[in-house]
């Protein structure tokens, strides 16, 4: 059984340059989503959202692999949309008052009905506190500027500012919400090696 690696298939989305900012056009795709607010380092709701998201994503993966479809694929990385009343504070690394939507992209063959079945399976085994908050939703970001940030989250400020400056210099303006994709396992990788896709929709 061949395994599909969507990070390689969608390389322009998940592996941007570390040296420059690029413009990408993001298609409409489906995600598992949970909303919340607060600093991800100290917010219990953030941890609860992740605890619900990954078991559901992996249950869907194995449902597809063992079912009639017989398709294997790698679970996509954790992503988050961020916004706040004061985005300048966010850009400087203060995420205490920020709101977020945690997301994991789903392959096109995953349906709402499949998510409902997988949710019941996860409920039986683990009952994550945030599982009832998970929704399956289509999301289209459209045109955006992005780059790869290497290093701890606390040092993202200059990278975010570089993306914002790029948008201004191209005669465009920021729209939508700040978007990050977390490519590293922070439990194992050293902070100076963490890889984060830093993205901002533009118009």
Foldseek 3Di string as FASTA:
>chain_A
DDEAEVCVVVVVPNPFAQPAKDKDFFFKFKKWKFKDAADCVPDPVNVLVVVQRPQLQVLLQVCCCPDPNVYHYDWAFKKKWKDAPDVLCVLQPHRGGIMMMIITTDPPVDDPVSSVVSLVVCCVPPNRVCSVRIDMDIDGQTMKMKHKDAFASNPCNVVQVNRQVVQVVVVKHFDDTWMKTWDDDPVPDDRRGTIIMTMTRID
